[in-house]
N, C-alpha and C. Protein backbone atom coordinates (compact mmCIF):
# COMPACT_ATOMS: atom_id res chain seq x y z
N MET A 1 7.38 3.65 -11.09
CA MET A 1 6.21 3.43 -10.29
C MET A 1 6.81 3.15 -8.97
N PHE A 2 6.27 3.35 -7.63
CA PHE A 2 6.80 3.25 -6.45
C PHE A 2 5.80 2.47 -5.43
N LEU A 3 5.96 1.60 -4.72
CA LEU A 3 5.12 0.86 -3.79
C LEU A 3 5.41 1.64 -2.21
N LEU A 4 4.51 2.05 -1.75
CA LEU A 4 4.69 2.68 -0.55
C LEU A 4 3.90 1.91 0.73
N GLU A 5 4.68 2.38 1.90
CA GLU A 5 3.96 1.75 3.03
C GLU A 5 3.73 3.23 3.72
N TRP A 6 2.50 3.25 4.12
CA TRP A 6 2.11 4.27 5.11
C TRP A 6 1.71 4.19 6.45
N ASP A 7 1.64 5.26 7.22
CA ASP A 7 1.37 5.08 8.70
C ASP A 7 0.09 5.68 8.62
N GLU A 8 -1.03 4.60 9.27
CA GLU A 8 -2.42 4.82 8.98
C GLU A 8 -2.84 5.94 10.27
N ASP A 9 -2.20 5.68 11.22
CA ASP A 9 -2.30 6.91 12.42
C ASP A 9 -2.17 8.37 11.74
N VAL A 10 -1.13 8.35 10.92
CA VAL A 10 -0.76 9.82 10.46
C VAL A 10 -1.69 10.26 9.12
N LEU A 11 -2.38 9.06 8.51
CA LEU A 11 -3.43 9.37 7.53
C LEU A 11 -4.79 9.59 8.39
N ALA A 12 -5.08 8.93 9.48
CA ALA A 12 -6.14 9.27 10.17
C ALA A 12 -6.43 10.75 10.82
N ALA A 13 -4.98 11.21 11.39
CA ALA A 13 -4.96 12.39 11.86
C ALA A 13 -5.15 13.53 10.86
N SER A 14 -4.72 13.12 9.53
CA SER A 14 -4.72 14.15 8.39
C SER A 14 -6.34 14.11 7.90
N ASN A 15 -7.08 13.33 8.59
CA ASN A 15 -8.49 13.30 7.85
C ASN A 15 -8.51 12.56 6.65
N VAL A 16 -7.61 11.48 6.31
CA VAL A 16 -7.78 10.59 5.27
C VAL A 16 -8.37 9.37 5.49
N ARG A 17 -9.23 9.01 4.50
CA ARG A 17 -10.29 8.03 5.17
C ARG A 17 -9.44 6.80 4.23
N VAL A 18 -9.63 5.73 4.83
CA VAL A 18 -8.79 4.09 4.47
C VAL A 18 -10.09 3.51 4.57
N GLU A 19 -10.35 2.53 3.60
CA GLU A 19 -11.37 1.35 3.66
C GLU A 19 -10.67 0.37 2.93
N ARG A 20 -10.96 -0.64 3.55
CA ARG A 20 -10.46 -2.22 3.06
C ARG A 20 -11.75 -3.00 2.39
N GLU A 21 -11.07 -3.46 1.15
CA GLU A 21 -12.10 -4.39 0.89
C GLU A 21 -11.50 -5.73 0.53
N TRP A 22 -12.40 -6.84 1.14
CA TRP A 22 -12.06 -8.14 1.20
C TRP A 22 -12.05 -8.66 -0.45
N VAL A 23 -11.16 -9.04 -0.77
CA VAL A 23 -11.17 -9.89 -2.06
C VAL A 23 -10.98 -11.56 -1.76
N ALA A 24 -12.17 -12.26 -1.96
CA ALA A 24 -12.12 -13.73 -1.48
C ALA A 24 -11.52 -14.58 -2.44
N SER A 25 -11.29 -14.04 -3.41
CA SER A 25 -10.40 -14.98 -4.76
C SER A 25 -8.92 -14.69 -4.19
N ARG A 26 -8.43 -13.82 -3.54
CA ARG A 26 -7.13 -13.52 -3.19
C ARG A 26 -6.85 -13.97 -1.53
N GLY A 27 -7.91 -14.04 -1.11
CA GLY A 27 -7.71 -14.55 0.61
C GLY A 27 -7.33 -13.09 1.42
N GLU A 28 -7.47 -11.92 0.78
CA GLU A 28 -6.85 -10.84 1.86
C GLU A 28 -7.50 -9.65 1.37
N ALA A 29 -7.39 -8.56 2.26
CA ALA A 29 -8.14 -7.10 2.03
C ALA A 29 -7.10 -6.19 1.28
N PHE A 30 -7.59 -5.63 0.71
CA PHE A 30 -6.93 -4.24 -0.08
C PHE A 30 -7.11 -2.98 0.34
N ALA A 31 -6.43 -2.41 0.83
CA ALA A 31 -6.66 -0.90 1.30
C ALA A 31 -6.98 0.26 0.27
N HIS A 32 -7.94 0.98 0.28
CA HIS A 32 -8.32 2.12 -0.69
C HIS A 32 -8.08 3.52 0.26
N VAL A 33 -7.36 4.11 -0.40
CA VAL A 33 -7.24 5.53 0.41
C VAL A 33 -7.79 6.72 -0.47
N PHE A 34 -8.78 7.42 0.27
CA PHE A 34 -9.55 8.67 -0.05
C PHE A 34 -9.09 9.66 0.29
N GLY A 35 -8.21 10.42 -0.43
CA GLY A 35 -7.69 11.64 -0.11
C GLY A 35 -6.33 11.79 -0.39
N VAL A 36 -5.49 13.00 -0.43
CA VAL A 36 -4.12 12.99 -0.58
C VAL A 36 -3.39 12.75 0.64
N VAL A 37 -2.56 11.71 0.34
CA VAL A 37 -1.60 10.89 1.37
C VAL A 37 -0.23 12.20 1.97
N PRO A 38 -0.45 12.74 2.65
CA PRO A 38 0.72 13.63 3.23
C PRO A 38 2.02 12.71 3.19
N LEU A 39 3.08 13.36 3.00
CA LEU A 39 4.54 12.98 2.68
C LEU A 39 4.90 12.29 4.32
N ALA A 40 4.47 12.86 5.36
CA ALA A 40 4.79 12.49 6.64
C ALA A 40 4.13 11.15 7.03
N ALA A 41 3.27 10.77 6.15
CA ALA A 41 2.62 9.49 6.26
C ALA A 41 3.44 8.22 5.66
N VAL A 42 4.16 8.70 4.96
CA VAL A 42 5.07 7.34 4.05
C VAL A 42 6.15 7.20 4.88
N ARG A 43 6.10 5.76 5.32
CA ARG A 43 7.15 4.97 6.07
C ARG A 43 8.36 4.50 5.21
N ARG A 44 8.15 3.92 3.90
CA ARG A 44 9.11 3.11 3.45
C ARG A 44 8.76 3.06 1.84
N VAL A 45 9.51 3.21 0.84
CA VAL A 45 9.21 3.14 -0.46
C VAL A 45 10.00 2.13 -1.38
N TRP A 46 9.45 1.64 -1.97
CA TRP A 46 10.20 0.59 -2.97
C TRP A 46 10.11 0.75 -4.68
N PRO A 47 10.92 0.84 -5.32
CA PRO A 47 10.87 0.72 -6.65
C PRO A 47 9.72 -0.20 -7.07
N PHE A 48 8.81 -0.36 -8.09
CA PHE A 48 7.94 -1.20 -8.16
C PHE A 48 7.50 -1.06 -9.76
N GLY A 49 8.03 -2.01 -10.45
CA GLY A 49 7.80 -1.92 -11.87
C GLY A 49 7.35 -3.41 -12.33
N PRO A 50 6.68 -3.34 -13.59
CA PRO A 50 6.62 -4.68 -14.16
C PRO A 50 7.83 -5.71 -14.43
N ASP A 51 7.61 -6.84 -14.36
CA ASP A 51 8.77 -7.67 -14.88
C ASP A 51 8.71 -7.93 -16.20
N ALA A 52 9.80 -9.07 -16.78
CA ALA A 52 9.96 -8.99 -18.26
C ALA A 52 8.62 -9.67 -18.88
N ASP A 53 7.54 -10.25 -18.07
CA ASP A 53 6.56 -10.70 -18.73
C ASP A 53 5.30 -9.81 -18.57
N GLY A 54 5.43 -8.71 -17.63
CA GLY A 54 4.61 -7.64 -17.58
C GLY A 54 3.87 -7.67 -16.29
N GLY A 55 4.28 -8.70 -15.58
CA GLY A 55 3.58 -8.81 -14.27
C GLY A 55 4.13 -8.19 -12.96
N PHE A 56 3.65 -8.13 -11.99
CA PHE A 56 4.15 -7.45 -10.89
C PHE A 56 4.37 -8.51 -9.29
N GLN A 57 5.41 -8.39 -9.06
CA GLN A 57 5.85 -9.13 -7.85
C GLN A 57 6.16 -8.21 -6.77
N LEU A 58 5.67 -8.55 -5.47
CA LEU A 58 6.21 -7.82 -4.25
C LEU A 58 7.75 -7.95 -3.96
N PRO A 59 8.36 -6.92 -3.60
CA PRO A 59 9.84 -7.07 -3.49
C PRO A 59 10.04 -7.98 -2.17
N GLU A 60 11.44 -8.99 -2.57
CA GLU A 60 11.43 -9.93 -1.58
C GLU A 60 11.81 -9.41 -0.21
N ASN A 61 12.24 -8.48 0.09
CA ASN A 61 12.53 -8.08 1.39
C ASN A 61 11.25 -7.28 1.89
N LEU A 62 10.26 -7.42 1.37
CA LEU A 62 8.75 -6.82 2.07
C LEU A 62 8.50 -7.67 2.79
N SER A 63 8.14 -7.41 4.04
CA SER A 63 7.51 -8.03 5.10
C SER A 63 5.97 -7.58 5.48
N ILE A 64 5.28 -8.20 5.24
CA ILE A 64 3.78 -7.93 5.26
C ILE A 64 2.99 -8.24 6.87
N ALA A 65 2.66 -7.41 7.84
CA ALA A 65 2.16 -7.62 8.75
C ALA A 65 0.85 -8.25 8.39
N GLN A 66 0.33 -9.13 9.47
CA GLN A 66 -0.88 -9.76 9.41
C GLN A 66 -1.79 -9.54 10.41
């Protein structure tokens, strides 16, 4: 499993729709992508698998733009 960072300008240019859903309990929005993500839109990739307890944690070196 992998976590991808994508370039939304490339997605828009490729006619891929992105919608954000606000999740109040988490205090953040999550993007939903409707369409095939072109390889050119992928900026960075991180391995992303469950930990020993079966949960998922974001990589420590991941910086999230607000």
